[in-house]
Amino acid sequence: MKKLLAFALMVAFFTTSAFTLNNDTSLKSAEADIVDLAAQTEFLSTLVAAVKAGDLVDVLKGDGPFTVFAPSNEAFEKLPAGTVETLLKPENKDQLVQILTYHVVPGKVYSKDLKDGMTATTAQGKDVKISLKDGKAKVNGATVTSADIEASNGVVHVIDSVIMPTM
């Protein structure tokens, strides 16, 4: 796994908020859509498998724009043993779609747009809460580890935990 480098970004109405930005230039290809970008990124392979199992590939290849809070493979590994395998089963597709669409916000939201305490309504229909504390951006408690990765149809922020909607 590639190391993440610290990169300070200005956030609207805040003068010092640090985020970490992956130094992998392959993640910065604005010519690739969100799905292609994730498929080119080894540490997002579990997310890609989940998107395929949820039949969301065509949606996330659409015009958008979308903001995706993309859990890394390590984020999926934090879930209880067997959770990912269970969610990937065809009979659990509806639950998987609910979880995946909870990670997508319609429109483009960049780190500079984030404000402490703000909420954003997800494609799933429920809100996520943004917090800015100790130089880190969090989405429902999941830390943004790589911010503002451009795709042709949106922007991706990699997070260190899978965020779960209340069902």
C-alpha atoms as a PDB file:
ATOM      1  CA  MET A   1       0.000   0.000   0.000  1.00  0.00           C
ATOM      2  CA  LYS A   2       1.282   3.400  -0.913  1.00  0.00           C
ATOM      3  CA  LYS A   3       1.999   5.835   1.874  1.00  0.00           C
ATOM      4  CA  LEU A   4      -0.227   8.836   2.304  1.00  0.00           C
ATOM      5  CA  LEU A   5       1.433  12.225   2.547  1.00  0.00           C
ATOM      6  CA  ALA A   6       0.206  15.131   4.617  1.00  0.00           C
ATOM      7  CA  PHE A   7      -0.987  18.075   2.547  1.00  0.00           C
ATOM      8  CA  ALA A   8      -2.411  21.244   4.016  1.00  0.00           C
ATOM      9  CA  LEU A   9      -5.515  22.653   2.323  1.00  0.00           C
ATOM     10  CA  MET A  10      -7.452  25.785   3.031  1.00  0.00           C
ATOM     11  CA  VAL A  11     -11.081  25.154   3.954  1.00  0.00           C
ATOM     12  CA  ALA A  12     -13.753  27.814   3.436  1.00  0.00           C
ATOM     13  CA  PHE A  13     -13.973  30.052   6.498  1.00  0.00           C
ATOM     14  CA  PHE A  14     -11.103  28.183   8.164  1.00  0.00           C
ATOM     15  CA  THR A  15      -7.493  29.189   7.931  1.00  0.00           C
ATOM     16  CA  THR A  16      -5.873  25.938   8.987  1.00  0.00           C
ATOM     17  CA  SER A  17      -7.305  22.515   8.312  1.00  0.00           C
ATOM     18  CA  ALA A  18      -4.977  19.750   7.212  1.00  0.00           C
ATOM     19  CA  PHE A  19      -6.020  16.790   5.125  1.00  0.00           C
ATOM     20  CA  THR A  20      -3.900  14.002   3.729  1.00  0.00           C
ATOM     21  CA  LEU A  21      -3.626  13.684  -0.004  1.00  0.00           C
ATOM     22  CA  ASN A  22      -2.337  10.617  -1.771  1.00  0.00           C
ATOM     23  CA  ASN A  23       0.660  11.502  -3.901  1.00  0.00           C
ATOM     24  CA  ASP A  24      -0.285   8.898  -6.537  1.00  0.00           C
ATOM     25  CA  THR A  25      -0.692  10.907  -9.751  1.00  0.00           C
ATOM     26  CA  SER A  26      -2.783   8.137 -11.339  1.00  0.00           C
ATOM     27  CA  LEU A  27      -5.550   9.213  -8.942  1.00  0.00           C
ATOM     28  CA  LYS A  28      -5.625  12.664 -10.469  1.00  0.00           C
ATOM     29  CA  SER A  29      -6.770  11.702 -13.969  1.00  0.00           C
ATOM     30  CA  ALA A  30      -9.825  13.883 -14.530  1.00  0.00           C
ATOM     31  CA  GLU A  31     -10.317  12.009 -17.822  1.00  0.00           C
ATOM     32  CA  ALA A  32     -11.429   8.843 -15.985  1.00  0.00           C
ATOM     33  CA  ASP A  33     -14.915   8.591 -14.538  1.00  0.00           C
ATOM     34  CA  ILE A  34     -15.399   7.629 -10.890  1.00  0.00           C
ATOM     35  CA  VAL A  35     -15.681   3.892 -11.604  1.00  0.00           C
ATOM     36  CA  ASP A  36     -12.654   3.784 -13.908  1.00  0.00           C
ATOM     37  CA  LEU A  37     -10.636   5.837 -11.445  1.00  0.00           C
ATOM     38  CA  ALA A  38     -11.494   3.442  -8.608  1.00  0.00           C
ATOM     39  CA  ALA A  39     -10.819   0.393 -10.809  1.00  0.00           C
ATOM     40  CA  GLN A  40      -7.303   1.743 -11.520  1.00  0.00           C
ATOM     41  CA  THR A  41      -6.636   2.078  -7.793  1.00  0.00           C
ATOM     42  CA  GLU A  42      -5.641  -1.113  -6.011  1.00  0.00           C
ATOM     43  CA  PHE A  43      -6.613   0.138  -2.534  1.00  0.00           C
ATOM     44  CA  LEU A  44     -10.203   0.694  -3.738  1.00  0.00           C
ATOM     45  CA  SER A  45     -10.684  -2.817  -5.169  1.00  0.00           C
ATOM     46  CA  THR A  46     -13.206  -3.863  -2.497  1.00  0.00           C
ATOM     47  CA  LEU A  47     -15.303  -0.791  -3.269  1.00  0.00           C
ATOM     48  CA  VAL A  48     -15.185  -1.644  -6.982  1.00  0.00           C
ATOM     49  CA  ALA A  49     -16.353  -5.207  -6.249  1.00  0.00           C
ATOM     50  CA  ALA A  50     -19.208  -3.828  -4.140  1.00  0.00           C
ATOM     51  CA  VAL A  51     -20.242  -1.331  -6.835  1.00  0.00           C
ATOM     52  CA  LYS A  52     -20.332  -4.185  -9.365  1.00  0.00           C
ATOM     53  CA  ALA A  53     -22.338  -6.437  -7.008  1.00  0.00           C
ATOM     54  CA  GLY A  54     -24.796  -3.590  -6.412  1.00  0.00           C
ATOM     55  CA  ASP A  55     -25.223  -2.985 -10.157  1.00  0.00           C
ATOM     56  CA  LEU A  56     -24.189   0.638  -9.653  1.00  0.00           C
ATOM     57  CA  VAL A  57     -21.453   0.763 -12.303  1.00  0.00           C
ATOM     58  CA  ASP A  58     -23.630   2.449 -14.938  1.00  0.00           C
ATOM     59  CA  VAL A  59     -24.959   4.954 -12.407  1.00  0.00           C
ATOM     60  CA  LEU A  60     -21.461   5.991 -11.262  1.00  0.00           C
ATOM     61  CA  LYS A  61     -20.267   6.134 -14.859  1.00  0.00           C
ATOM     62  CA  GLY A  62     -23.123   8.560 -15.588  1.00  0.00           C
ATOM     63  CA  ASP A  63     -22.865  12.289 -16.090  1.00  0.00           C
ATOM     64  CA  GLY A  64     -23.105  13.178 -12.424  1.00  0.00           C
ATOM     65  CA  PRO A  65     -21.593  15.158 -10.998  1.00  0.00           C
ATOM     66  CA  PHE A  66     -21.090  13.059  -7.890  1.00  0.00           C
ATOM     67  CA  THR A  67     -19.047  13.355  -4.727  1.00  0.00           C
ATOM     68  CA  VAL A  68     -18.007   9.915  -3.519  1.00  0.00           C
ATOM     69  CA  PHE A  69     -16.666   9.215  -0.048  1.00  0.00           C
ATOM     70  CA  ALA A  70     -14.766   6.089  -1.070  1.00  0.00           C
ATOM     71  CA  PRO A  71     -13.856   3.594   1.673  1.00  0.00           C
ATOM     72  CA  SER A  72     -10.418   2.067   1.172  1.00  0.00           C
ATOM     73  CA  ASN A  73      -9.845  -1.683   1.341  1.00  0.00           C
ATOM     74  CA  GLU A  74      -8.581  -1.136   4.892  1.00  0.00           C
ATOM     75  CA  ALA A  75     -11.884   0.550   5.734  1.00  0.00           C
ATOM     76  CA  PHE A  76     -13.796  -2.533   4.610  1.00  0.00           C
ATOM     77  CA  GLU A  77     -11.407  -4.717   6.643  1.00  0.00           C
ATOM     78  CA  LYS A  78     -12.520  -2.873   9.808  1.00  0.00           C
ATOM     79  CA  LEU A  79     -16.037  -4.297   9.433  1.00  0.00           C
ATOM     80  CA  PRO A  80     -16.866  -7.425  11.426  1.00  0.00           C
ATOM     81  CA  ALA A  81     -15.570 -10.643   9.870  1.00  0.00           C
ATOM     82  CA  GLY A  82     -17.795 -11.901   7.067  1.00  0.00           C
ATOM     83  CA  THR A  83     -19.680  -8.618   6.581  1.00  0.00           C
ATOM     84  CA  VAL A  84     -18.290  -7.822   3.132  1.00  0.00           C
ATOM     85  CA  GLU A  85     -18.797 -11.355   1.889  1.00  0.00           C
ATOM     86  CA  THR A  86     -22.380 -11.337   3.157  1.00  0.00           C
ATOM     87  CA  LEU A  87     -23.163  -7.970   1.569  1.00  0.00           C
ATOM     88  CA  LEU A  88     -21.787  -9.112  -1.795  1.00  0.00           C
ATOM     89  CA  LYS A  89     -24.300 -11.973  -2.001  1.00  0.00           C
ATOM     90  CA  PRO A  90     -27.123 -11.387  -4.520  1.00  0.00           C
ATOM     91  CA  GLU A  91     -29.803 -11.777  -1.851  1.00  0.00           C
ATOM     92  CA  ASN A  92     -28.312  -8.806   0.045  1.00  0.00           C
ATOM     93  CA  LYS A  93     -28.126  -6.461  -2.944  1.00  0.00           C
ATOM     94  CA  ASP A  94     -30.732  -4.012  -1.582  1.00  0.00           C
ATOM     95  CA  GLN A  95     -28.816  -3.557   1.674  1.00  0.00           C
ATOM     96  CA  LEU A  96     -25.530  -3.176  -0.230  1.00  0.00           C
ATOM     97  CA  VAL A  97     -27.059  -0.490  -2.474  1.00  0.00           C
ATOM     98  CA  GLN A  98     -28.336   1.386   0.596  1.00  0.00           C
ATOM     99  CA  ILE A  99     -24.826   1.394   2.076  1.00  0.00           C
ATOM    100  CA  LEU A 100     -23.061   2.342  -1.166  1.00  0.00           C
ATOM    101  CA  THR A 101     -25.450   5.161  -2.067  1.00  0.00           C
ATOM    102  CA  TYR A 102     -24.934   6.530   1.456  1.00  0.00           C
ATOM    103  CA  HIS A 103     -21.346   7.232   0.340  1.00  0.00           C
ATOM    104  CA  VAL A 104     -22.475   9.366  -2.636  1.00  0.00           C
ATOM    105  CA  VAL A 105     -23.574  12.994  -2.561  1.00  0.00           C
ATOM    106  CA  PRO A 106     -25.045  14.531  -5.719  1.00  0.00           C
ATOM    107  CA  GLY A 107     -22.907  17.424  -7.012  1.00  0.00           C
ATOM    108  CA  LYS A 108     -19.241  18.212  -6.485  1.00  0.00           C
ATOM    109  CA  VAL A 109     -18.145  18.961  -2.943  1.00  0.00           C
ATOM    110  CA  TYR A 110     -14.479  19.861  -2.565  1.00  0.00           C
ATOM    111  CA  SER A 111     -12.559  20.098   0.687  1.00  0.00           C
ATOM    112  CA  LYS A 112     -12.594  23.891   0.385  1.00  0.00           C
ATOM    113  CA  ASP A 113     -16.398  23.725   0.521  1.00  0.00           C
ATOM    114  CA  LEU A 114     -16.506  21.891   3.857  1.00  0.00           C
ATOM    115  CA  LYS A 115     -17.575  23.616   7.042  1.00  0.00           C
ATOM    116  CA  ASP A 116     -17.551  22.139  10.520  1.00  0.00           C
ATOM    117  CA  GLY A 117     -20.996  20.810  11.385  1.00  0.00           C
ATOM    118  CA  MET A 118     -22.385  20.925   7.873  1.00  0.00           C
ATOM    119  CA  THR A 119     -24.580  18.136   6.564  1.00  0.00           C
ATOM    120  CA  ALA A 120     -25.012  16.771   3.064  1.00  0.00           C
ATOM    121  CA  THR A 121     -27.873  14.671   1.764  1.00  0.00           C
ATOM    122  CA  THR A 122     -26.672  11.463   0.155  1.00  0.00           C
ATOM    123  CA  ALA A 123     -28.039   9.651  -2.883  1.00  0.00           C
ATOM    124  CA  GLN A 124     -29.435   7.137  -0.371  1.00  0.00           C
ATOM    125  CA  GLY A 125     -31.593   9.915   1.066  1.00  0.00           C
ATOM    126  CA  LYS A 126     -30.094  10.373   4.509  1.00  0.00           C
ATOM    127  CA  ASP A 127     -27.650  13.034   5.631  1.00  0.00           C
ATOM    128  CA  VAL A 128     -23.991  12.680   6.508  1.00  0.00           C
ATOM    129  CA  LYS A 129     -22.348  15.098   8.929  1.00  0.00           C
ATOM    130  CA  ILE A 130     -19.013  16.749   8.267  1.00  0.00           C
ATOM    131  CA  SER A 131     -16.703  17.678  11.100  1.00  0.00           C
ATOM    132  CA  LEU A 132     -13.403  19.510  11.006  1.00  0.00           C
ATOM    133  CA  LYS A 133     -11.279  18.910  14.065  1.00  0.00           C
ATOM    134  CA  ASP A 134      -7.591  18.730  14.862  1.00  0.00           C
ATOM    135  CA  GLY A 135      -6.724  19.393  11.244  1.00  0.00           C
ATOM    136  CA  LYS A 136      -8.817  16.510   9.889  1.00  0.00           C
ATOM    137  CA  ALA A 137     -12.030  16.313   7.922  1.00  0.00           C
ATOM    138  CA  LYS A 138     -14.443  13.579   8.960  1.00  0.00           C
ATOM    139  CA  VAL A 139     -17.644  12.253   7.438  1.00  0.00           C
ATOM    140  CA  ASN A 140     -19.814  10.624  10.125  1.00  0.00           C
ATOM    141  CA  GLY A 141     -16.597   9.904  12.018  1.00  0.00           C
ATOM    142  CA  ALA A 142     -14.680   8.432   9.050  1.00  0.00           C
ATOM    143  CA  THR A 143     -11.478  10.384   8.399  1.00  0.00           C
ATOM    144  CA  VAL A 144     -10.804  11.728   4.915  1.00  0.00           C
ATOM    145  CA  THR A 145      -7.362  10.342   4.027  1.00  0.00           C
ATOM    146  CA  SER A 146      -7.179  11.597   0.451  1.00  0.00           C
ATOM    147  CA  ALA A 147      -9.168  14.614  -0.738  1.00  0.00           C
ATOM    148  CA  ASP A 148     -10.274  16.229  -3.985  1.00  0.00           C
ATOM    149  CA  ILE A 149      -9.427  13.452  -6.435  1.00  0.00           C
ATOM    150  CA  GLU A 150     -10.862  14.662  -9.738  1.00  0.00           C
ATOM    151  CA  ALA A 151     -12.849  12.394 -12.026  1.00  0.00           C
ATOM    152  CA  SER A 152     -14.594  13.318 -15.263  1.00  0.00           C
ATOM    153  CA  ASN A 153     -17.991  13.063 -13.552  1.00  0.00           C
ATOM    154  CA  GLY A 154     -17.215  14.169 -10.014  1.00  0.00           C
ATOM    155  CA  VAL A 155     -14.797  14.185  -7.138  1.00  0.00           C
ATOM    156  CA  VAL A 156     -13.627  11.408  -4.804  1.00  0.00           C
ATOM    157  CA  HIS A 157     -12.531  11.627  -1.177  1.00  0.00           C
ATOM    158  CA  VAL A 158     -11.017   8.428   0.235  1.00  0.00           C
ATOM    159  CA  ILE A 159     -12.144   7.620   3.786  1.00  0.00           C
ATOM    160  CA  ASP A 160     -10.754   5.236   6.398  1.00  0.00           C
ATOM    161  CA  SER A 161     -14.055   3.654   7.497  1.00  0.00           C
ATOM    162  CA  VAL A 162     -17.255   2.457   5.888  1.00  0.00           C
ATOM    163  CA  ILE A 163     -20.077   4.758   6.958  1.00  0.00           C
ATOM    164  CA  MET A 164     -23.370   3.003   7.655  1.00  0.00           C
ATOM    165  CA  PRO A 165     -26.811   4.517   7.294  1.00  0.00           C
ATOM    166  CA  THR A 166     -29.459   3.748   9.862  1.00  0.00           C
ATOM    167  CA  MET A 167     -31.747   1.257   8.174  1.00  0.00           C
END
